[in-house]
Amino acid sequence: MRFLSEGMADVVKLEVDASFAPLVDRLSHAGVPVVAHLGSRPQRVRAEGGYRAAGRSVAEADALVEQVELMLARGAVMILLEAVPAEVSQRVVACAERAGPVPVIGCGAGAPCHGHVVVLHDLLGLSDWQPPFAPPVGNLGKQLQSVAAAWVEQIAKGRYPGPDHPYKIDR
């Protein structure tokens, strides 16, 4: 609660699986709104052997929907689905609508979600690797590299800062 009030946060997002149900329950009962992040969980990529989509088999999809149902039953106020097939998202949205309705936000989870989120540097094309679900809208990475290289060149050639430096000694 202190983090929410002092940090001016509205919710706490947790990357979860079924083992987090007791924590989500305790937080919800304490008045802490929880966003349950399911599907691909970026903070676990090293433990899980890298980035990968989730829910791509029928068994995985069923397990993921069960986990969503559990998080909703324990009090999650929103679901964030990452890197799952649209068919799975559709099932999750149906669960969430029966439960509240509870918003479902997708990050590479297809059109059925109520809203979508993408990491800004992916959207702007600032990284060398693009997630397959986040084609860049811009290509600012190459432009920024070009600008930085020009600035370094100006410094190396003694042209930066120029003679029109704004600060002078008053005489």
N, C-alpha and C. Protein backbone atom coordinates (compact mmCIF):
# COMPACT_ATOMS: atom_id res chain seq x y z
N MET A 1 0.83 -1.19 0.00
CA MET A 1 0.00 0.00 0.00
C MET A 1 0.87 1.25 0.00
N ARG A 2 1.98 1.19 0.74
CA ARG A 2 2.89 2.34 0.77
C ARG A 2 3.45 2.61 -0.63
N PHE A 3 3.82 1.54 -1.32
CA PHE A 3 4.33 1.69 -2.68
C PHE A 3 3.28 2.32 -3.57
N LEU A 4 2.04 1.89 -3.44
CA LEU A 4 0.97 2.46 -4.25
C LEU A 4 0.78 3.94 -3.96
N SER A 5 0.74 4.30 -2.67
CA SER A 5 0.46 5.70 -2.34
C SER A 5 1.67 6.59 -2.61
N GLU A 6 2.85 6.20 -2.16
CA GLU A 6 4.01 7.06 -2.36
C GLU A 6 4.52 7.03 -3.79
N GLY A 7 4.37 5.89 -4.44
CA GLY A 7 4.80 5.78 -5.82
C GLY A 7 3.75 6.22 -6.82
N MET A 8 2.59 6.60 -6.30
CA MET A 8 1.46 7.05 -7.12
C MET A 8 1.08 6.02 -8.18
N ALA A 9 1.15 4.75 -7.80
CA ALA A 9 0.76 3.67 -8.70
C ALA A 9 -0.72 3.35 -8.52
N ASP A 10 -1.32 2.87 -9.57
CA ASP A 10 -2.73 2.48 -9.51
C ASP A 10 -2.89 0.99 -9.23
N VAL A 11 -1.92 0.19 -9.68
CA VAL A 11 -1.99 -1.26 -9.55
C VAL A 11 -0.58 -1.82 -9.39
N VAL A 12 -0.52 -3.09 -9.03
CA VAL A 12 0.74 -3.83 -9.00
C VAL A 12 0.61 -4.93 -10.05
N LYS A 13 1.58 -4.99 -10.97
CA LYS A 13 1.57 -6.04 -11.99
C LYS A 13 2.52 -7.14 -11.58
N LEU A 14 2.01 -8.35 -11.56
CA LEU A 14 2.82 -9.51 -11.20
C LEU A 14 2.81 -10.51 -12.35
N GLU A 15 3.99 -10.99 -12.74
CA GLU A 15 4.06 -12.10 -13.68
C GLU A 15 3.75 -13.35 -12.88
N VAL A 16 2.66 -14.04 -13.23
CA VAL A 16 2.14 -15.10 -12.38
C VAL A 16 1.96 -16.42 -13.11
N ASP A 17 1.86 -17.45 -12.29
CA ASP A 17 1.33 -18.74 -12.69
C ASP A 17 0.45 -19.19 -11.54
N ALA A 18 -0.03 -20.41 -11.55
CA ALA A 18 -0.97 -20.87 -10.52
C ALA A 18 -0.38 -20.77 -9.11
N SER A 19 0.94 -20.90 -8.99
CA SER A 19 1.55 -20.86 -7.65
C SER A 19 1.41 -19.49 -6.98
N PHE A 20 1.07 -18.45 -7.74
CA PHE A 20 0.92 -17.11 -7.19
C PHE A 20 -0.49 -16.83 -6.67
N ALA A 21 -1.39 -17.77 -6.81
CA ALA A 21 -2.78 -17.55 -6.39
C ALA A 21 -2.90 -17.08 -4.94
N PRO A 22 -2.19 -17.69 -3.98
CA PRO A 22 -2.31 -17.20 -2.60
C PRO A 22 -1.84 -15.75 -2.44
N LEU A 23 -0.79 -15.37 -3.14
CA LEU A 23 -0.30 -13.99 -3.06
C LEU A 23 -1.32 -13.02 -3.65
N VAL A 24 -1.86 -13.34 -4.81
CA VAL A 24 -2.87 -12.48 -5.44
C VAL A 24 -4.07 -12.36 -4.50
N ASP A 25 -4.45 -13.45 -3.87
CA ASP A 25 -5.57 -13.43 -2.93
C ASP A 25 -5.27 -12.51 -1.75
N ARG A 26 -4.08 -12.64 -1.16
CA ARG A 26 -3.73 -11.80 0.00
C ARG A 26 -3.67 -10.33 -0.39
N LEU A 27 -3.05 -10.03 -1.51
CA LEU A 27 -2.96 -8.63 -1.94
C LEU A 27 -4.35 -8.05 -2.21
N SER A 28 -5.16 -8.80 -2.91
CA SER A 28 -6.51 -8.32 -3.23
C SER A 28 -7.32 -8.06 -1.96
N HIS A 29 -7.24 -8.97 -1.01
CA HIS A 29 -7.97 -8.79 0.25
C HIS A 29 -7.42 -7.62 1.06
N ALA A 30 -6.15 -7.27 0.84
CA ALA A 30 -5.55 -6.12 1.54
C ALA A 30 -5.83 -4.81 0.81
N GLY A 31 -6.56 -4.88 -0.30
CA GLY A 31 -6.90 -3.66 -1.04
C GLY A 31 -5.89 -3.26 -2.09
N VAL A 32 -4.97 -4.16 -2.43
CA VAL A 32 -3.97 -3.86 -3.46
C VAL A 32 -4.49 -4.42 -4.79
N PRO A 33 -4.78 -3.56 -5.77
CA PRO A 33 -5.25 -4.05 -7.07
C PRO A 33 -4.10 -4.73 -7.81
N VAL A 34 -4.36 -5.93 -8.32
CA VAL A 34 -3.34 -6.74 -8.98
C VAL A 34 -3.67 -6.95 -10.45
N VAL A 35 -2.67 -6.70 -11.30
CA VAL A 35 -2.74 -7.07 -12.71
C VAL A 35 -1.98 -8.38 -12.83
N ALA A 36 -2.65 -9.42 -13.30
CA ALA A 36 -2.02 -10.72 -13.47
C ALA A 36 -1.47 -10.82 -14.90
N HIS A 37 -0.15 -10.92 -15.00
CA HIS A 37 0.55 -11.01 -16.28
C HIS A 37 0.81 -12.48 -16.57
N LEU A 38 0.18 -12.98 -17.63
CA LEU A 38 0.29 -14.39 -18.01
C LEU A 38 0.74 -14.51 -19.45
N GLY A 39 1.07 -15.73 -19.83
CA GLY A 39 1.62 -15.98 -21.16
C GLY A 39 3.12 -15.93 -21.08
N SER A 40 3.75 -15.28 -22.02
CA SER A 40 5.20 -15.08 -21.95
C SER A 40 5.48 -14.12 -20.80
N ARG A 41 6.48 -14.47 -19.98
CA ARG A 41 6.80 -13.64 -18.82
C ARG A 41 8.26 -13.21 -18.91
N PRO A 42 8.51 -11.98 -19.36
CA PRO A 42 9.88 -11.54 -19.65
C PRO A 42 10.86 -11.63 -18.47
N GLN A 43 10.38 -11.43 -17.24
CA GLN A 43 11.31 -11.50 -16.12
C GLN A 43 11.76 -12.93 -15.83
N ARG A 44 11.16 -13.90 -16.50
CA ARG A 44 11.53 -15.31 -16.30
C ARG A 44 12.23 -15.91 -17.51
N VAL A 45 12.61 -15.10 -18.48
CA VAL A 45 13.17 -15.67 -19.71
C VAL A 45 14.43 -16.50 -19.46
N ARG A 46 15.27 -16.08 -18.54
CA ARG A 46 16.49 -16.86 -18.28
C ARG A 46 16.14 -18.21 -17.66
N ALA A 47 15.20 -18.20 -16.74
CA ALA A 47 14.79 -19.45 -16.08
C ALA A 47 14.06 -20.38 -17.05
N GLU A 48 13.40 -19.80 -18.05
CA GLU A 48 12.62 -20.60 -19.00
C GLU A 48 13.34 -20.85 -20.31
N GLY A 49 14.61 -20.44 -20.41
CA GLY A 49 15.41 -20.73 -21.60
C GLY A 49 15.21 -19.77 -22.75
N GLY A 50 14.71 -18.57 -22.49
CA GLY A 50 14.56 -17.56 -23.54
C GLY A 50 13.11 -17.18 -23.77
N TYR A 51 12.96 -16.20 -24.65
CA TYR A 51 11.62 -15.72 -24.99
C TYR A 51 10.92 -16.77 -25.84
N ARG A 52 9.66 -17.00 -25.53
CA ARG A 52 8.86 -17.88 -26.37
C ARG A 52 7.39 -17.57 -26.17
N ALA A 53 6.63 -17.82 -27.20
CA ALA A 53 5.18 -17.63 -27.10
C ALA A 53 4.60 -18.70 -26.18
N ALA A 54 3.45 -18.42 -25.63
CA ALA A 54 2.79 -19.34 -24.71
C ALA A 54 1.43 -19.74 -25.27
N GLY A 55 0.92 -20.86 -24.81
CA GLY A 55 -0.42 -21.29 -25.20
C GLY A 55 -0.52 -21.76 -26.63
N ARG A 56 0.57 -22.31 -27.18
CA ARG A 56 0.55 -22.68 -28.59
C ARG A 56 0.09 -24.12 -28.83
N SER A 57 -0.03 -24.90 -27.80
CA SER A 57 -0.64 -26.22 -27.94
C SER A 57 -1.99 -26.17 -27.22
N VAL A 58 -2.84 -27.14 -27.51
CA VAL A 58 -4.15 -27.17 -26.86
C VAL A 58 -3.97 -27.31 -25.36
N ALA A 59 -3.04 -28.15 -24.92
CA ALA A 59 -2.81 -28.34 -23.48
C ALA A 59 -2.31 -27.06 -22.83
N GLU A 60 -1.36 -26.37 -23.48
CA GLU A 60 -0.85 -25.10 -22.94
C GLU A 60 -1.95 -24.04 -22.89
N ALA A 61 -2.75 -23.99 -23.94
CA ALA A 61 -3.85 -23.00 -23.99
C ALA A 61 -4.84 -23.27 -22.87
N ASP A 62 -5.20 -24.54 -22.68
CA ASP A 62 -6.14 -24.88 -21.61
C ASP A 62 -5.56 -24.51 -20.24
N ALA A 63 -4.28 -24.81 -20.02
CA ALA A 63 -3.64 -24.49 -18.74
C ALA A 63 -3.60 -22.98 -18.52
N LEU A 64 -3.33 -22.23 -19.57
CA LEU A 64 -3.28 -20.77 -19.45
C LEU A 64 -4.65 -20.20 -19.10
N VAL A 65 -5.68 -20.68 -19.75
CA VAL A 65 -7.04 -20.22 -19.44
C VAL A 65 -7.41 -20.58 -18.00
N GLU A 66 -7.02 -21.76 -17.54
CA GLU A 66 -7.27 -22.14 -16.14
C GLU A 66 -6.55 -21.19 -15.18
N GLN A 67 -5.32 -20.81 -15.52
CA GLN A 67 -4.57 -19.89 -14.67
C GLN A 67 -5.26 -18.52 -14.63
N VAL A 68 -5.76 -18.07 -15.77
CA VAL A 68 -6.50 -16.80 -15.82
C VAL A 68 -7.73 -16.89 -14.92
N GLU A 69 -8.49 -17.96 -15.06
CA GLU A 69 -9.68 -18.14 -14.22
C GLU A 69 -9.32 -18.11 -12.74
N LEU A 70 -8.20 -18.75 -12.37
CA LEU A 70 -7.75 -18.76 -10.98
C LEU A 70 -7.40 -17.36 -10.52
N MET A 71 -6.68 -16.60 -11.34
CA MET A 71 -6.29 -15.23 -10.95
C MET A 71 -7.52 -14.33 -10.81
N LEU A 72 -8.48 -14.51 -11.69
CA LEU A 72 -9.72 -13.73 -11.59
C LEU A 72 -10.48 -14.10 -10.32
N ALA A 73 -10.52 -15.38 -10.01
CA ALA A 73 -11.22 -15.83 -8.79
C ALA A 73 -10.53 -15.30 -7.54
N ARG A 74 -9.22 -15.09 -7.62
CA ARG A 74 -8.45 -14.60 -6.47
C ARG A 74 -8.43 -13.08 -6.39
N GLY A 75 -9.03 -12.40 -7.37
CA GLY A 75 -9.20 -10.95 -7.25
C GLY A 75 -8.40 -10.09 -8.21
N ALA A 76 -7.74 -10.66 -9.21
CA ALA A 76 -7.03 -9.83 -10.18
C ALA A 76 -8.01 -8.86 -10.84
N VAL A 77 -7.59 -7.60 -10.98
CA VAL A 77 -8.48 -6.57 -11.54
C VAL A 77 -8.24 -6.35 -13.03
N MET A 78 -7.18 -6.96 -13.57
CA MET A 78 -6.88 -6.84 -14.99
C MET A 78 -5.97 -8.01 -15.35
N ILE A 79 -6.03 -8.41 -16.61
CA ILE A 79 -5.18 -9.47 -17.13
C ILE A 79 -4.31 -8.86 -18.22
N LEU A 80 -3.01 -9.16 -18.17
CA LEU A 80 -2.09 -8.80 -19.25
C LEU A 80 -1.62 -10.10 -19.87
N LEU A 81 -1.92 -10.28 -21.13
CA LEU A 81 -1.51 -11.47 -21.86
C LEU A 81 -0.38 -11.12 -22.80
N GLU A 82 0.69 -11.89 -22.75
CA GLU A 82 1.83 -11.60 -23.63
C GLU A 82 2.17 -12.80 -24.49
N ALA A 83 2.29 -12.53 -25.78
CA ALA A 83 2.76 -13.50 -26.78
C ALA A 83 1.96 -14.80 -26.74
N VAL A 84 0.67 -14.67 -27.00
CA VAL A 84 -0.20 -15.84 -27.08
C VAL A 84 -1.02 -15.75 -28.36
N PRO A 85 -1.48 -16.90 -28.88
CA PRO A 85 -2.33 -16.87 -30.06
C PRO A 85 -3.65 -16.14 -29.80
N ALA A 86 -4.18 -15.55 -30.85
CA ALA A 86 -5.44 -14.81 -30.73
C ALA A 86 -6.59 -15.70 -30.24
N GLU A 87 -6.56 -16.99 -30.59
CA GLU A 87 -7.61 -17.89 -30.12
C GLU A 87 -7.60 -18.01 -28.60
N VAL A 88 -6.41 -18.00 -28.02
CA VAL A 88 -6.29 -18.06 -26.56
C VAL A 88 -6.80 -16.76 -25.96
N SER A 89 -6.42 -15.65 -26.57
CA SER A 89 -6.90 -14.34 -26.08
C SER A 89 -8.42 -14.27 -26.10
N GLN A 90 -9.02 -14.82 -27.13
CA GLN A 90 -10.49 -14.80 -27.22
C GLN A 90 -11.10 -15.56 -26.05
N ARG A 91 -10.52 -16.69 -25.71
CA ARG A 91 -11.02 -17.47 -24.57
C ARG A 91 -10.84 -16.70 -23.27
N VAL A 92 -9.69 -16.04 -23.12
CA VAL A 92 -9.40 -15.27 -21.90
C VAL A 92 -10.36 -14.08 -21.79
N VAL A 93 -10.59 -13.39 -22.90
CA VAL A 93 -11.52 -12.26 -22.89
C VAL A 93 -12.91 -12.74 -22.47
N ALA A 94 -13.33 -13.88 -22.95
CA ALA A 94 -14.65 -14.41 -22.55
C ALA A 94 -14.69 -14.69 -21.05
N CYS A 95 -13.62 -15.26 -20.50
CA CYS A 95 -13.54 -15.51 -19.04
C CYS A 95 -13.62 -14.19 -18.28
N ALA A 96 -12.84 -13.22 -18.74
CA ALA A 96 -12.76 -11.93 -18.05
C ALA A 96 -14.09 -11.19 -18.11
N GLU A 97 -14.80 -11.31 -19.21
CA GLU A 97 -16.10 -10.64 -19.32
C GLU A 97 -17.13 -11.29 -18.39
N ARG A 98 -17.04 -12.60 -18.22
CA ARG A 98 -17.94 -13.28 -17.27
C ARG A 98 -17.60 -12.91 -15.83
N ALA A 99 -16.33 -12.58 -15.58
CA ALA A 99 -15.88 -12.32 -14.20
C ALA A 99 -16.10 -10.89 -13.74
N GLY A 100 -16.53 -10.00 -14.61
CA GLY A 100 -16.55 -8.65 -14.06
C GLY A 100 -17.36 -7.60 -14.75
N PRO A 101 -17.09 -7.15 -15.86
CA PRO A 101 -16.00 -7.52 -16.76
C PRO A 101 -14.64 -6.99 -16.28
N VAL A 102 -13.60 -7.74 -16.59
CA VAL A 102 -12.23 -7.39 -16.25
C VAL A 102 -11.50 -7.12 -17.57
N PRO A 103 -10.77 -6.00 -17.67
CA PRO A 103 -10.07 -5.72 -18.92
C PRO A 103 -8.92 -6.71 -19.18
N VAL A 104 -8.74 -7.03 -20.44
CA VAL A 104 -7.64 -7.87 -20.89
C VAL A 104 -6.81 -7.04 -21.84
N ILE A 105 -5.55 -6.84 -21.49
CA ILE A 105 -4.63 -6.06 -22.31
C ILE A 105 -3.64 -7.04 -22.94
N GLY A 106 -3.43 -6.88 -24.23
CA GLY A 106 -2.53 -7.77 -24.94
C GLY A 106 -1.21 -7.12 -25.26
N CYS A 107 -0.19 -7.92 -25.22
CA CYS A 107 1.14 -7.54 -25.70
C CYS A 107 1.53 -8.69 -26.63
N GLY A 108 1.19 -8.53 -27.89
CA GLY A 108 1.40 -9.62 -28.83
C GLY A 108 0.40 -10.75 -28.60
N ALA A 109 -0.83 -10.38 -28.27
CA ALA A 109 -1.85 -11.39 -27.97
C ALA A 109 -3.04 -11.33 -28.92
N GLY A 110 -2.93 -10.60 -29.99
CA GLY A 110 -3.98 -10.59 -30.99
C GLY A 110 -5.12 -9.61 -30.73
N ALA A 111 -5.96 -9.50 -31.72
CA ALA A 111 -7.03 -8.50 -31.75
C ALA A 111 -8.12 -8.67 -30.69
N PRO A 112 -8.39 -9.86 -30.16
CA PRO A 112 -9.51 -9.97 -29.22
C PRO A 112 -9.37 -9.15 -27.93
N CYS A 113 -8.17 -8.78 -27.57
CA CYS A 113 -7.95 -8.07 -26.30
C CYS A 113 -8.64 -6.70 -26.31
N HIS A 114 -8.95 -6.21 -25.11
CA HIS A 114 -9.61 -4.91 -24.97
C HIS A 114 -8.67 -3.74 -25.30
N GLY A 115 -7.40 -3.94 -25.10
CA GLY A 115 -6.40 -2.90 -25.37
C GLY A 115 -5.06 -3.57 -25.62
N HIS A 116 -4.09 -2.78 -26.02
CA HIS A 116 -2.78 -3.33 -26.40
C HIS A 116 -1.68 -2.44 -25.87
N VAL A 117 -0.56 -3.07 -25.54
CA VAL A 117 0.61 -2.36 -25.05
C VAL A 117 1.83 -2.92 -25.78
N VAL A 118 2.76 -2.03 -26.11
CA VAL A 118 4.01 -2.43 -26.74
C VAL A 118 5.11 -1.61 -26.08
N VAL A 119 6.25 -2.22 -25.89
CA VAL A 119 7.40 -1.51 -25.34
C VAL A 119 7.79 -0.39 -26.30
N LEU A 120 7.98 0.81 -25.77
CA LEU A 120 8.21 1.99 -26.60
C LEU A 120 9.39 1.83 -27.54
N HIS A 121 10.51 1.28 -27.06
CA HIS A 121 11.66 1.17 -27.96
C HIS A 121 11.41 0.18 -29.09
N ASP A 122 10.50 -0.77 -28.91
CA ASP A 122 10.11 -1.65 -30.02
C ASP A 122 9.25 -0.88 -31.01
N LEU A 123 8.30 -0.11 -30.52
CA LEU A 123 7.42 0.68 -31.37
C LEU A 123 8.19 1.67 -32.23
N LEU A 124 9.24 2.28 -31.65
CA LEU A 124 10.01 3.31 -32.34
C LEU A 124 11.17 2.76 -33.16
N GLY A 125 11.38 1.45 -33.11
CA GLY A 125 12.48 0.86 -33.86
C GLY A 125 13.85 1.20 -33.29
N LEU A 126 13.95 1.21 -31.97
CA LEU A 126 15.21 1.58 -31.32
C LEU A 126 16.10 0.38 -31.01
N SER A 127 15.62 -0.82 -31.19
CA SER A 127 16.39 -1.99 -30.81
C SER A 127 16.83 -2.78 -32.04
N ASP A 128 17.87 -3.56 -31.84
CA ASP A 128 18.38 -4.39 -32.95
C ASP A 128 17.46 -5.58 -33.23
N TRP A 129 16.77 -6.06 -32.18
CA TRP A 129 15.87 -7.19 -32.32
C TRP A 129 14.44 -6.74 -32.09
N GLN A 130 13.55 -7.09 -32.96
CA GLN A 130 12.14 -6.74 -32.82
C GLN A 130 11.35 -8.00 -32.48
N PRO A 131 10.51 -7.93 -31.46
CA PRO A 131 9.60 -9.05 -31.24
C PRO A 131 8.71 -9.21 -32.48
N PRO A 132 8.39 -10.42 -32.86
CA PRO A 132 7.60 -10.61 -34.09
C PRO A 132 6.22 -9.98 -34.03
N PHE A 133 5.70 -9.74 -32.83
CA PHE A 133 4.37 -9.15 -32.70
C PHE A 133 4.41 -7.63 -32.63
N ALA A 134 5.60 -7.03 -32.70
CA ALA A 134 5.71 -5.57 -32.54
C ALA A 134 6.51 -4.95 -33.68
N PRO A 135 5.97 -4.96 -34.89
CA PRO A 135 6.70 -4.30 -35.97
C PRO A 135 6.81 -2.81 -35.67
N PRO A 136 7.99 -2.24 -35.87
CA PRO A 136 8.14 -0.82 -35.53
C PRO A 136 7.30 0.08 -36.42
N VAL A 137 6.79 1.14 -35.82
CA VAL A 137 6.04 2.15 -36.55
C VAL A 137 7.02 3.18 -37.11
N GLY A 138 8.17 3.30 -36.47
CA GLY A 138 9.23 4.21 -36.92
C GLY A 138 10.55 3.48 -36.91
N ASN A 139 11.58 4.12 -37.43
CA ASN A 139 12.91 3.53 -37.44
C ASN A 139 13.88 4.55 -36.85
N LEU A 140 13.59 4.99 -35.64
CA LEU A 140 14.38 6.05 -35.02
C LEU A 140 15.75 5.59 -34.57
N GLY A 141 15.93 4.29 -34.37
CA GLY A 141 17.23 3.79 -33.92
C GLY A 141 18.35 4.18 -34.87
N LYS A 142 18.17 3.95 -36.15
CA LYS A 142 19.20 4.29 -37.13
C LYS A 142 19.40 5.80 -37.22
N GLN A 143 18.31 6.56 -37.10
CA GLN A 143 18.42 8.02 -37.12
C GLN A 143 19.21 8.51 -35.91
N LEU A 144 18.93 7.97 -34.73
CA LEU A 144 19.65 8.38 -33.53
C LEU A 144 21.14 8.02 -33.64
N GLN A 145 21.44 6.85 -34.19
CA GLN A 145 22.84 6.46 -34.38
C GLN A 145 23.54 7.43 -35.32
N SER A 146 22.86 7.84 -36.36
CA SER A 146 23.42 8.78 -37.32
C SER A 146 23.67 10.14 -36.68
N VAL A 147 22.72 10.62 -35.90
CA VAL A 147 22.87 11.91 -35.21
C VAL A 147 24.03 11.84 -34.22
N ALA A 148 24.12 10.77 -33.46
CA ALA A 148 25.21 10.62 -32.49
C ALA A 148 26.56 10.57 -33.19
N ALA A 149 26.64 9.86 -34.30
CA ALA A 149 27.91 9.79 -35.05
C ALA A 149 28.31 11.17 -35.58
N ALA A 150 27.34 11.95 -36.06
CA ALA A 150 27.65 13.30 -36.54
C ALA A 150 28.14 14.19 -35.41
N TRP A 151 27.55 14.05 -34.22
CA TRP A 151 27.97 14.84 -33.06
C TRP A 151 29.39 14.47 -32.66
N VAL A 152 29.70 13.19 -32.62
CA VAL A 152 31.05 12.73 -32.27
C VAL A 152 32.05 13.27 -33.29
N GLU A 153 31.68 13.26 -34.56
CA GLU A 153 32.57 13.79 -35.60
C GLU A 153 32.80 15.29 -35.42
N GLN A 154 31.75 16.04 -35.09
CA GLN A 154 31.91 17.48 -34.85
C GLN A 154 32.88 17.74 -33.70
N ILE A 155 32.78 16.97 -32.66
CA ILE A 155 33.68 17.14 -31.52
C ILE A 155 35.11 16.79 -31.94
N ALA A 156 35.28 15.68 -32.62
CA ALA A 156 36.61 15.22 -33.03
C ALA A 156 37.30 16.24 -33.95
N LYS A 157 36.52 16.93 -34.75
CA LYS A 157 37.08 17.92 -35.69
C LYS A 157 37.13 19.32 -35.10
N GLY A 158 36.76 19.46 -33.83
CA GLY A 158 36.83 20.76 -33.16
C GLY A 158 35.75 21.74 -33.56
N ARG A 159 34.67 21.27 -34.14
CA ARG A 159 33.59 22.16 -34.57
C ARG A 159 32.49 22.29 -33.54
N TYR A 160 32.56 21.51 -32.49
CA TYR A 160 31.54 21.57 -31.45
C TYR A 160 32.23 21.72 -30.10
N PRO A 161 31.85 22.63 -29.27
CA PRO A 161 30.90 23.70 -29.54
C PRO A 161 31.54 24.75 -30.45
N GLY A 162 30.70 25.44 -31.15
CA GLY A 162 31.18 26.44 -32.11
C GLY A 162 31.58 27.75 -31.43
N PRO A 163 32.03 28.72 -32.22
CA PRO A 163 32.48 30.00 -31.67
C PRO A 163 31.35 30.87 -31.12
N ASP A 164 30.11 30.51 -31.40
CA ASP A 164 28.99 31.31 -30.92
C ASP A 164 28.49 30.85 -29.55
N HIS A 165 29.41 30.36 -28.74
CA HIS A 165 29.07 29.92 -27.38
C HIS A 165 28.34 31.06 -26.65
N PRO A 166 27.19 30.77 -26.01
CA PRO A 166 26.34 31.86 -25.49
C PRO A 166 26.86 32.56 -24.23
N TYR A 167 27.82 32.00 -23.57
CA TYR A 167 28.26 32.58 -22.30
C TYR A 167 29.56 33.34 -22.49
N LYS A 168 29.54 34.61 -22.12
CA LYS A 168 30.70 35.50 -22.25
C LYS A 168 30.96 36.17 -20.90
N ILE A 169 32.17 36.59 -20.68
CA ILE A 169 32.49 37.36 -19.48
C ILE A 169 31.98 38.78 -19.67
N ASP A 170 31.28 39.30 -18.68
CA ASP A 170 30.82 40.70 -18.74
C ASP A 170 32.04 41.59 -18.49
N ARG A 171 32.20 42.59 -19.32
CA ARG A 171 33.35 43.50 -19.17
C ARG A 171 32.86 44.89 -18.93
